[in-house]
N, C-alpha and C. Protein backbone atom coordinates (compact mmCIF):
# COMPACT_ATOMS: atom_id res chain seq x y z
N MET A 1 20.32 2.44 -25.51
CA MET A 1 20.00 3.20 -24.12
C MET A 1 20.08 2.19 -22.92
N ALA A 2 21.09 2.16 -21.96
CA ALA A 2 20.99 0.98 -20.77
C ALA A 2 19.60 1.48 -19.95
N GLU A 3 19.30 0.19 -19.54
CA GLU A 3 18.27 0.33 -18.51
C GLU A 3 18.40 0.88 -17.45
N GLN A 4 17.66 1.84 -17.12
CA GLN A 4 17.49 2.53 -15.65
C GLN A 4 17.48 1.35 -14.42
N SER A 5 18.34 1.42 -13.41
CA SER A 5 18.20 0.45 -12.31
C SER A 5 17.31 0.89 -11.63
N ARG A 6 16.71 -0.07 -10.85
CA ARG A 6 15.47 0.23 -10.12
C ARG A 6 15.98 0.25 -8.68
N ALA A 7 14.86 1.02 -7.88
CA ALA A 7 15.13 1.19 -6.66
C ALA A 7 14.81 -0.15 -5.90
N PRO A 8 15.21 -0.25 -4.55
CA PRO A 8 14.90 -1.54 -3.89
C PRO A 8 13.31 -1.25 -3.61
N LEU A 9 12.82 -2.53 -3.22
CA LEU A 9 11.33 -2.29 -2.69
C LEU A 9 11.52 -2.10 -1.39
N PRO A 10 10.50 -1.56 -0.85
CA PRO A 10 10.00 -0.86 0.68
C PRO A 10 10.61 -1.94 1.45
N HIS A 11 10.73 -3.18 1.48
CA HIS A 11 11.04 -3.95 2.80
C HIS A 11 12.35 -4.78 2.34
N ASP A 12 13.18 -4.29 1.56
CA ASP A 12 14.17 -5.28 1.41
C ASP A 12 15.22 -5.17 2.39
N PHE A 13 15.00 -3.77 3.30
CA PHE A 13 16.17 -3.81 4.32
C PHE A 13 15.84 -3.68 5.56
N HIS A 14 14.17 -4.27 5.95
CA HIS A 14 13.51 -4.42 6.98
C HIS A 14 13.97 -5.87 7.50
N PRO A 15 13.71 -6.14 8.88
CA PRO A 15 13.98 -7.34 9.32
C PRO A 15 12.94 -8.42 8.57
N ALA A 16 13.50 -9.78 8.41
CA ALA A 16 12.36 -10.72 8.09
C ALA A 16 11.26 -10.98 8.95
N VAL A 17 10.21 -11.26 8.35
CA VAL A 17 9.12 -11.53 9.54
C VAL A 17 8.47 -12.65 8.60
N HIS A 18 7.37 -13.19 9.08
CA HIS A 18 6.54 -14.22 8.46
C HIS A 18 5.71 -13.69 7.60
N ALA A 19 5.93 -14.55 6.11
CA ALA A 19 5.56 -14.11 4.80
C ALA A 19 4.05 -14.81 4.68
N PHE A 20 3.15 -13.86 4.44
CA PHE A 20 1.80 -14.44 4.08
C PHE A 20 1.19 -14.17 2.74
N THR A 21 0.02 -14.49 2.53
CA THR A 21 -0.22 -14.15 0.99
C THR A 21 -1.44 -13.01 0.74
N VAL A 22 -1.27 -11.99 -0.13
CA VAL A 22 -2.35 -11.17 -0.58
C VAL A 22 -2.59 -11.32 -1.85
N SER A 23 -3.77 -11.22 -2.06
CA SER A 23 -4.28 -11.14 -3.66
C SER A 23 -5.47 -10.34 -4.08
N SER A 24 -5.63 -10.23 -5.10
CA SER A 24 -6.45 -8.95 -5.53
C SER A 24 -7.32 -9.51 -6.83
N ALA A 25 -8.57 -9.14 -6.79
CA ALA A 25 -9.38 -9.25 -8.18
C ALA A 25 -8.87 -8.25 -9.28
N ASP A 26 -8.14 -7.22 -8.67
CA ASP A 26 -7.98 -6.04 -9.66
C ASP A 26 -6.83 -6.04 -10.20
N VAL A 27 -5.73 -6.46 -9.38
CA VAL A 27 -4.20 -6.30 -9.53
C VAL A 27 -3.35 -7.75 -9.69
N GLU A 28 -2.78 -8.14 -10.76
CA GLU A 28 -2.06 -9.27 -11.00
C GLU A 28 -0.69 -9.07 -11.02
N PRO A 29 0.17 -9.74 -9.97
CA PRO A 29 1.49 -9.46 -9.60
C PRO A 29 2.42 -9.56 -11.08
N GLY A 30 3.03 -8.43 -10.93
CA GLY A 30 4.17 -8.02 -12.19
C GLY A 30 3.19 -7.38 -13.38
N ALA A 31 1.77 -7.66 -13.55
CA ALA A 31 1.16 -6.98 -14.40
C ALA A 31 0.79 -5.40 -14.37
N ASP A 32 0.37 -4.99 -15.57
CA ASP A 32 -0.28 -3.57 -15.42
C ASP A 32 -1.30 -3.17 -14.44
N LEU A 33 -1.28 -2.22 -13.78
CA LEU A 33 -2.89 -1.72 -13.02
C LEU A 33 -3.52 -1.48 -14.08
N GLY A 34 -4.85 -1.67 -13.72
CA GLY A 34 -5.98 -1.18 -14.49
C GLY A 34 -6.46 0.10 -14.78
N SER A 35 -6.99 0.79 -15.27
CA SER A 35 -7.04 2.01 -15.49
C SER A 35 -7.93 2.57 -14.23
N ASP A 36 -8.65 1.86 -13.47
CA ASP A 36 -9.21 2.08 -12.01
C ASP A 36 -8.29 2.63 -11.13
N GLN A 37 -6.86 1.62 -11.27
CA GLN A 37 -5.98 2.37 -10.11
C GLN A 37 -4.91 3.69 -10.65
N VAL A 38 -5.33 3.94 -11.48
CA VAL A 38 -4.48 5.37 -12.28
C VAL A 38 -5.02 6.60 -11.86
N LEU A 39 -4.25 7.53 -11.34
CA LEU A 39 -4.90 8.94 -11.11
C LEU A 39 -5.73 9.50 -12.14
N SER A 40 -5.37 9.31 -13.42
CA SER A 40 -6.28 10.02 -14.34
C SER A 40 -7.46 9.23 -14.80
N GLY A 41 -7.38 7.79 -14.16
CA GLY A 41 -8.53 7.10 -14.67
C GLY A 41 -9.71 6.95 -13.64
N GLY A 42 -9.67 6.02 -12.85
CA GLY A 42 -10.84 5.97 -11.68
C GLY A 42 -10.36 6.28 -10.61
N ASN A 43 -8.88 6.06 -10.37
CA ASN A 43 -8.26 6.57 -8.90
C ASN A 43 -9.12 5.73 -7.78
N VAL A 44 -9.10 4.35 -8.05
CA VAL A 44 -9.77 3.54 -7.06
C VAL A 44 -8.80 2.47 -6.54
N SER A 45 -8.72 2.38 -5.39
CA SER A 45 -7.92 1.50 -4.65
C SER A 45 -8.48 -0.11 -5.06
N PRO A 46 -7.68 -0.95 -5.23
CA PRO A 46 -7.74 -2.27 -5.76
C PRO A 46 -8.66 -3.04 -4.57
N HIS A 47 -9.19 -3.98 -5.01
CA HIS A 47 -9.66 -5.21 -4.04
C HIS A 47 -8.53 -5.70 -3.52
N LEU A 48 -8.38 -5.98 -2.31
CA LEU A 48 -7.30 -6.83 -1.81
C LEU A 48 -8.07 -7.94 -0.72
N ARG A 49 -7.34 -9.23 -0.79
CA ARG A 49 -7.65 -10.27 0.24
C ARG A 49 -6.40 -10.82 0.80
N TRP A 50 -6.18 -11.13 2.01
CA TRP A 50 -5.00 -11.82 2.40
C TRP A 50 -5.53 -13.00 3.51
N GLU A 51 -4.50 -13.78 3.59
CA GLU A 51 -4.62 -15.16 4.51
C GLU A 51 -3.34 -15.66 4.83
N GLY A 52 -3.27 -16.45 5.63
CA GLY A 52 -2.00 -17.02 6.26
C GLY A 52 -1.25 -16.42 7.07
N PHE A 53 -2.03 -15.17 7.72
CA PHE A 53 -1.05 -14.35 8.39
C PHE A 53 -0.71 -14.89 9.99
N PRO A 54 0.45 -14.72 10.51
CA PRO A 54 0.72 -15.47 11.81
C PRO A 54 -0.24 -15.20 12.96
N GLU A 55 -0.19 -16.20 13.63
CA GLU A 55 -0.77 -16.15 15.31
C GLU A 55 -0.46 -15.01 15.88
N GLY A 56 -1.12 -14.62 16.46
CA GLY A 56 -0.83 -13.35 17.71
C GLY A 56 -1.31 -12.10 16.83
N THR A 57 -1.34 -12.03 15.53
CA THR A 57 -2.00 -10.76 14.61
C THR A 57 -3.10 -10.15 15.46
N LYS A 58 -2.91 -8.86 15.74
CA LYS A 58 -4.48 -8.02 16.57
C LYS A 58 -4.92 -7.03 15.33
N SER A 59 -4.16 -6.61 14.41
CA SER A 59 -4.91 -5.93 13.47
C SER A 59 -4.08 -6.12 12.28
N PHE A 60 -4.44 -5.03 11.43
CA PHE A 60 -3.54 -4.97 9.93
C PHE A 60 -3.36 -3.53 9.58
N ALA A 61 -2.78 -3.36 8.64
CA ALA A 61 -2.03 -1.93 8.11
C ALA A 61 -1.95 -2.45 6.70
N VAL A 62 -2.44 -1.49 5.41
CA VAL A 62 -2.18 -1.55 4.16
C VAL A 62 -1.84 -0.22 3.53
N THR A 63 -0.60 -0.55 2.79
CA THR A 63 -0.05 0.66 2.08
C THR A 63 0.30 0.15 0.88
N CYS A 64 0.30 1.36 -0.12
CA CYS A 64 0.70 1.49 -1.35
C CYS A 64 1.84 2.35 -1.59
N PHE A 65 2.92 1.87 -2.22
CA PHE A 65 4.23 2.61 -2.09
C PHE A 65 4.93 2.50 -3.72
N ASP A 66 5.21 3.74 -4.32
CA ASP A 66 6.00 3.53 -5.56
C ASP A 66 7.28 3.67 -5.25
N PRO A 67 8.28 2.74 -5.32
CA PRO A 67 9.82 2.96 -4.89
C PRO A 67 10.52 3.51 -6.11
N ASP A 68 9.74 3.77 -7.29
CA ASP A 68 10.45 4.13 -8.69
C ASP A 68 10.45 5.68 -8.70
N ALA A 69 9.64 6.21 -7.83
CA ALA A 69 9.33 7.76 -8.17
C ALA A 69 10.72 8.40 -7.96
N PRO A 70 10.80 9.47 -9.07
CA PRO A 70 11.80 10.31 -9.00
C PRO A 70 12.11 11.42 -7.91
N THR A 71 11.77 10.81 -6.75
CA THR A 71 11.81 11.81 -5.56
C THR A 71 13.23 11.59 -4.52
N GLY A 72 13.87 10.47 -4.67
CA GLY A 72 14.72 10.04 -4.04
C GLY A 72 14.35 9.45 -2.67
N SER A 73 12.84 9.51 -2.60
CA SER A 73 12.50 8.95 -1.35
C SER A 73 11.21 8.01 -1.50
N GLY A 74 10.97 7.84 -3.00
CA GLY A 74 9.57 6.99 -3.30
C GLY A 74 8.60 7.92 -3.13
N PHE A 75 7.43 7.34 -3.22
CA PHE A 75 6.26 8.10 -3.28
C PHE A 75 5.12 7.16 -2.68
N TRP A 76 4.38 7.71 -1.44
CA TRP A 76 3.29 6.82 -0.78
C TRP A 76 1.83 7.25 -1.37
N HIS A 77 1.10 6.17 -1.90
CA HIS A 77 0.06 6.40 -2.38
C HIS A 77 -1.13 6.00 -1.54
N TRP A 78 -0.82 5.24 -0.53
CA TRP A 78 -1.77 4.91 0.66
C TRP A 78 -1.35 4.42 1.65
N VAL A 79 -1.88 4.81 2.74
CA VAL A 79 -1.36 4.26 4.10
C VAL A 79 -2.70 4.26 4.85
N LEU A 80 -3.13 3.10 5.41
CA LEU A 80 -4.36 2.80 6.22
C LEU A 80 -3.68 1.88 7.18
N PHE A 81 -4.19 2.18 8.33
CA PHE A 81 -4.17 1.28 9.47
C PHE A 81 -4.99 0.99 10.48
N ASP A 82 -4.97 0.14 11.42
CA ASP A 82 -5.98 -0.08 12.58
C ASP A 82 -7.31 -0.98 11.87
N LEU A 83 -7.04 -1.78 11.04
CA LEU A 83 -7.59 -2.55 10.83
C LEU A 83 -7.96 -3.80 11.50
N PRO A 84 -9.25 -4.08 11.91
CA PRO A 84 -9.32 -5.24 13.06
C PRO A 84 -8.87 -6.61 12.37
N VAL A 85 -8.39 -7.46 13.09
CA VAL A 85 -8.03 -8.77 12.81
C VAL A 85 -8.96 -9.47 11.94
N SER A 86 -10.26 -9.16 12.17
CA SER A 86 -11.22 -9.77 11.66
C SER A 86 -11.21 -9.30 10.10
N VAL A 87 -10.86 -8.45 9.70
CA VAL A 87 -11.00 -7.81 8.48
C VAL A 87 -9.95 -8.32 7.90
N THR A 88 -10.22 -9.60 6.60
CA THR A 88 -9.31 -9.95 5.85
C THR A 88 -9.51 -9.76 4.18
N GLU A 89 -10.37 -8.60 4.17
CA GLU A 89 -10.44 -8.48 2.42
C GLU A 89 -11.07 -6.84 2.37
N LEU A 90 -10.40 -6.08 1.49
CA LEU A 90 -11.06 -4.63 1.31
C LEU A 90 -11.69 -4.96 -0.17
N PRO A 91 -12.79 -4.15 -0.03
CA PRO A 91 -13.37 -4.10 -1.53
C PRO A 91 -12.62 -3.09 -2.19
N ALA A 92 -12.84 -2.84 -3.62
CA ALA A 92 -12.29 -2.23 -4.52
C ALA A 92 -13.04 -0.65 -3.99
N GLY A 93 -12.20 0.42 -3.85
CA GLY A 93 -12.69 1.72 -3.39
C GLY A 93 -12.71 2.01 -2.20
N ALA A 94 -11.92 0.89 -1.25
CA ALA A 94 -12.17 1.11 0.17
C ALA A 94 -11.37 2.32 0.54
N GLY A 95 -10.29 2.44 -0.19
CA GLY A 95 -9.17 3.85 -0.08
C GLY A 95 -9.95 5.12 -0.31
N THR A 96 -11.25 5.34 -0.33
CA THR A 96 -11.62 6.70 -0.46
C THR A 96 -11.74 7.26 0.63
N GLY A 97 -11.61 8.55 0.74
CA GLY A 97 -11.46 9.26 2.12
C GLY A 97 -12.95 9.27 2.85
N LYS A 98 -14.21 8.77 2.15
CA LYS A 98 -15.00 8.53 2.75
C LYS A 98 -15.37 7.32 3.66
N PHE A 99 -14.30 6.40 3.88
CA PHE A 99 -14.33 4.96 4.67
C PHE A 99 -15.23 4.21 4.29
N GLU A 100 -15.92 4.48 3.20
CA GLU A 100 -16.86 3.67 2.76
C GLU A 100 -16.20 1.86 2.84
N GLY A 101 -16.70 1.01 3.33
CA GLY A 101 -16.17 -0.41 3.02
C GLY A 101 -15.17 -0.48 4.16
N LEU A 102 -14.85 0.33 4.88
CA LEU A 102 -13.80 0.00 6.07
C LEU A 102 -14.73 0.30 7.36
N PRO A 103 -13.76 -0.61 8.25
CA PRO A 103 -14.42 -0.46 9.71
C PRO A 103 -14.37 0.68 10.41
N ALA A 104 -15.23 0.83 11.39
CA ALA A 104 -15.10 1.78 12.10
C ALA A 104 -13.65 2.05 13.13
N GLY A 105 -12.97 3.07 13.21
CA GLY A 105 -11.59 3.00 13.83
C GLY A 105 -10.47 2.79 12.94
N ALA A 106 -10.69 2.59 11.60
CA ALA A 106 -9.87 2.61 10.77
C ALA A 106 -9.15 3.80 10.44
N VAL A 107 -7.70 3.89 10.21
CA VAL A 107 -7.25 5.23 10.03
C VAL A 107 -6.44 5.38 8.74
N HIS A 108 -6.74 6.27 7.94
CA HIS A 108 -6.00 6.87 6.87
C HIS A 108 -4.89 7.98 7.29
N VAL A 109 -3.73 7.86 6.59
CA VAL A 109 -2.98 9.27 6.92
C VAL A 109 -2.78 9.81 5.58
N ARG A 110 -2.25 11.00 5.44
CA ARG A 110 -1.89 11.81 4.35
C ARG A 110 -0.99 10.99 3.49
N ASN A 111 -1.21 10.81 2.04
CA ASN A 111 -0.30 10.11 1.27
C ASN A 111 0.51 11.30 0.72
N ASP A 112 1.44 10.97 -0.39
CA ASP A 112 2.43 11.73 -0.78
C ASP A 112 1.58 13.20 -1.76
N TYR A 113 0.41 12.59 -2.05
CA TYR A 113 -0.53 13.75 -3.06
C TYR A 113 -1.07 14.54 -2.13
N GLY A 114 -0.91 14.50 -0.51
CA GLY A 114 -1.52 15.33 0.20
C GLY A 114 -3.08 15.33 0.84
N THR A 115 -3.48 13.88 0.30
CA THR A 115 -4.69 13.61 0.75
C THR A 115 -4.98 12.17 1.57
N LYS A 116 -5.87 12.11 2.46
CA LYS A 116 -6.20 10.92 3.18
C LYS A 116 -6.89 9.76 2.45
N ASP A 117 -6.25 9.42 1.38
CA ASP A 117 -7.30 8.24 0.80
C ASP A 117 -6.20 7.41 -0.27
N PHE A 118 -6.69 6.77 -1.02
CA PHE A 118 -5.54 6.44 -1.91
C PHE A 118 -5.68 7.30 -3.01
N GLY A 119 -4.24 7.32 -3.65
CA GLY A 119 -3.91 8.00 -4.72
C GLY A 119 -3.40 7.22 -5.72
N GLY A 120 -3.90 7.04 -7.11
CA GLY A 120 -3.80 6.44 -8.17
C GLY A 120 -2.43 6.48 -8.75
N ALA A 121 -1.68 5.76 -9.47
CA ALA A 121 -0.75 5.66 -9.88
C ALA A 121 -0.38 6.64 -10.98
N ALA A 122 0.56 7.55 -11.21
CA ALA A 122 0.67 8.76 -12.02
C ALA A 122 2.19 8.95 -12.20
N PRO A 123 2.66 7.80 -12.78
CA PRO A 123 4.38 8.18 -13.18
C PRO A 123 4.57 9.00 -14.33
N PRO A 124 5.68 9.77 -14.45
CA PRO A 124 5.86 10.69 -15.27
C PRO A 124 6.08 9.97 -17.04
N ALA A 125 5.58 10.59 -17.85
CA ALA A 125 5.28 9.88 -19.02
C ALA A 125 6.65 9.14 -19.44
N GLY A 126 6.06 8.07 -20.04
CA GLY A 126 7.32 6.96 -20.40
C GLY A 126 7.94 6.32 -19.38
N GLU A 127 7.73 6.54 -18.21
CA GLU A 127 8.20 5.78 -17.20
C GLU A 127 7.61 4.72 -16.72
N ARG A 128 8.12 3.55 -16.56
CA ARG A 128 7.42 2.28 -15.99
C ARG A 128 7.90 2.32 -14.50
N HIS A 129 6.44 2.29 -13.69
CA HIS A 129 6.79 2.19 -12.33
C HIS A 129 6.41 0.72 -11.50
N ARG A 130 6.70 0.78 -10.23
CA ARG A 130 6.08 -0.47 -9.76
C ARG A 130 5.21 0.36 -8.43
N TYR A 131 4.36 -0.61 -8.27
CA TYR A 131 3.39 -0.24 -7.01
C TYR A 131 3.09 -1.32 -6.21
N VAL A 132 3.78 -1.03 -4.98
CA VAL A 132 3.63 -2.20 -4.07
C VAL A 132 2.68 -2.05 -3.08
N PHE A 133 2.02 -2.93 -2.94
CA PHE A 133 0.59 -3.05 -2.06
C PHE A 133 1.16 -4.18 -1.24
N THR A 134 1.15 -3.34 0.31
CA THR A 134 1.48 -4.27 1.49
C THR A 134 0.70 -4.39 2.48
N VAL A 135 0.23 -5.51 3.05
CA VAL A 135 -0.66 -5.86 4.14
C VAL A 135 0.33 -6.03 5.09
N TYR A 136 0.26 -5.63 6.42
CA TYR A 136 0.85 -5.79 7.44
C TYR A 136 0.11 -6.40 8.68
N ALA A 137 0.98 -7.66 9.03
CA ALA A 137 -0.19 -8.25 10.30
C ALA A 137 0.61 -7.47 11.49
N VAL A 138 -0.06 -6.87 12.44
CA VAL A 138 0.52 -5.92 13.47
C VAL A 138 0.43 -6.68 14.69
N ASP A 139 1.00 -6.47 15.43
CA ASP A 139 1.11 -7.15 17.16
C ASP A 139 0.09 -6.64 18.17
N GLN A 140 -0.40 -5.35 17.76
CA GLN A 140 -1.40 -4.35 18.39
C GLN A 140 -2.60 -4.00 17.71
N GLU A 141 -3.53 -4.09 18.56
CA GLU A 141 -4.90 -3.92 17.95
C GLU A 141 -5.11 -2.23 17.10
N LYS A 142 -4.18 -1.33 18.35
CA LYS A 142 -3.99 0.16 17.35
C LYS A 142 -2.83 0.25 17.44
N LEU A 143 -1.98 0.84 16.56
CA LEU A 143 -0.94 0.97 16.14
C LEU A 143 -0.32 2.06 16.85
N GLY A 144 -1.06 2.93 17.18
CA GLY A 144 -0.20 3.99 18.01
C GLY A 144 -0.48 5.50 17.47
N PRO A 145 -0.03 5.69 16.12
CA PRO A 145 -0.03 7.05 15.46
C PRO A 145 -1.33 7.57 15.24
N GLY A 146 -1.62 8.89 15.14
CA GLY A 146 -2.90 9.36 15.03
C GLY A 146 -2.76 9.89 13.12
N ALA A 147 -4.03 10.22 12.71
CA ALA A 147 -4.06 10.27 11.23
C ALA A 147 -3.52 11.54 10.68
N ASP A 148 -2.78 12.37 11.77
CA ASP A 148 -2.04 13.69 11.22
C ASP A 148 -0.52 13.08 11.06
N VAL A 149 -0.26 12.27 11.43
CA VAL A 149 1.44 11.64 11.06
C VAL A 149 1.64 11.55 9.65
N SER A 150 2.73 11.46 9.53
CA SER A 150 3.40 11.17 7.96
C SER A 150 3.26 9.83 7.95
N PRO A 151 3.61 9.32 6.49
CA PRO A 151 3.58 7.78 6.32
C PRO A 151 4.98 7.36 7.05
N ALA A 152 6.00 8.16 6.93
CA ALA A 152 7.39 7.75 7.60
C ALA A 152 7.06 7.40 9.04
N VAL A 153 6.19 8.16 9.61
CA VAL A 153 5.89 7.94 11.27
C VAL A 153 4.96 6.47 11.34
N VAL A 154 4.27 6.37 10.45
CA VAL A 154 3.68 5.05 10.31
C VAL A 154 4.59 3.80 10.31
N GLY A 155 5.50 4.15 8.76
CA GLY A 155 6.52 3.00 8.86
C GLY A 155 7.01 2.98 9.93
N PHE A 156 7.70 3.88 10.77
CA PHE A 156 8.46 3.65 11.94
C PHE A 156 7.78 2.93 12.81
N ASN A 157 6.42 2.93 13.09
CA ASN A 157 5.61 2.17 13.97
C ASN A 157 5.46 0.70 13.63
N LEU A 158 5.45 0.42 12.15
CA LEU A 158 5.33 -0.69 11.75
C LEU A 158 6.37 -1.81 11.56
N ARG A 159 7.64 -0.91 11.65
CA ARG A 159 8.74 -1.64 11.77
C ARG A 159 9.18 -2.50 13.03
N PHE A 160 8.40 -1.73 14.21
CA PHE A 160 8.64 -2.50 15.53
C PHE A 160 7.38 -3.17 15.98
N HIS A 161 6.20 -3.14 15.00
CA HIS A 161 5.01 -3.88 15.73
C HIS A 161 4.62 -4.74 14.46
N THR A 162 5.36 -5.08 13.41
CA THR A 162 4.80 -6.04 12.53
C THR A 162 5.41 -7.81 12.60
N LEU A 163 4.37 -8.41 12.58
CA LEU A 163 4.53 -9.67 12.81
C LEU A 163 4.80 -10.51 11.60
N GLY A 164 4.08 -10.18 10.62
CA GLY A 164 3.96 -10.81 8.98
C GLY A 164 3.78 -9.73 7.91
N ARG A 165 3.91 -10.03 6.81
CA ARG A 165 3.81 -8.92 5.76
C ARG A 165 3.72 -9.89 4.55
N ALA A 166 2.78 -9.28 3.55
CA ALA A 166 2.22 -9.83 2.26
C ALA A 166 2.17 -8.63 1.63
N GLN A 167 2.82 -8.98 0.40
CA GLN A 167 3.16 -7.75 -0.59
C GLN A 167 2.57 -8.44 -2.26
N LEU A 168 1.90 -7.66 -2.79
CA LEU A 168 1.56 -7.53 -4.36
C LEU A 168 2.07 -6.48 -5.10
N VAL A 169 2.74 -6.61 -6.09
CA VAL A 169 3.28 -5.48 -6.80
C VAL A 169 2.89 -5.68 -8.41
N GLY A 170 2.24 -4.56 -8.68
CA GLY A 170 1.70 -4.21 -10.06
C GLY A 170 2.48 -3.04 -10.69
N GLU A 171 2.64 -2.85 -11.61
CA GLU A 171 3.27 -2.12 -12.50
C GLU A 171 2.30 -1.22 -13.36
N TYR A 172 2.52 0.08 -13.90
CA TYR A 172 1.93 0.91 -14.89
C TYR A 172 3.24 1.90 -15.39
N GLU A 173 3.14 2.11 -16.56
CA GLU A 173 3.85 3.08 -17.66
C GLU A 173 2.87 3.99 -18.35
N ALA A 174 2.92 5.42 -17.77
CA ALA A 174 2.00 6.38 -18.60
C ALA A 174 2.36 6.53 -19.79
N PRO A 175 1.44 6.82 -20.83
CA PRO A 175 2.03 6.90 -22.17
C PRO A 175 2.77 7.96 -22.62
N ALA A 176 3.89 7.88 -23.26
CA ALA A 176 4.75 9.05 -23.79
C ALA A 176 4.30 10.09 -24.16
N GLY A 177 4.56 11.49 -24.40
CA GLY A 177 3.92 12.34 -25.41
C GLY A 177 2.41 12.95 -25.07
C-alpha cells in the first residue's frame, strides 16, 4: 500500500519571517505526543518555552494545528493570543478554558471542537497525524480580533502582524480497532 501524502505545514505558504526557538518539557520534535496531550487522555496543553524572538515583538500568539485532519482544511486544536511580550513560557495545562497560568488579557478563540481551550489529539484510528505548535512574535500588543472570531480570522490577522515564528511538531497515531 502506498504511503498517503501529507498536507503542507500551516506556514509553508506564508511570507518568510524571523525564525526563533520553541521547546517543551512535554513534546519532543517529531516524537509521539504524551497521553496528556490526547483528547481521550489528559487533554492537557503542553508546557512551551520560547526564546530568540525578534526585536520589536510586542505580544505573542500560540496555536496548535493538525494539517493531516481529514477535513480538507486541517483542524485547529488551540488558538491563543494577546500574551504580553514578558511571557515567554506557558506551563502545562495553560490551555484550559479557566485561563490558569495565563496573564490577564490573554484571549482563547474557539477551536474546531467548538470550545475555547486546548483540545487534544484525536485522529481517526490507525492514522498518524502531525500537531504543529506555533508561537508567533506579534508586532502589536493586542492582535485585534475578539474571543468570538474563528481561527481563520486570527490567522488572517497573524499573517499581517507576525514578526517571527517558532514551531514544534509532535505526532500521534490513535490505535486501530
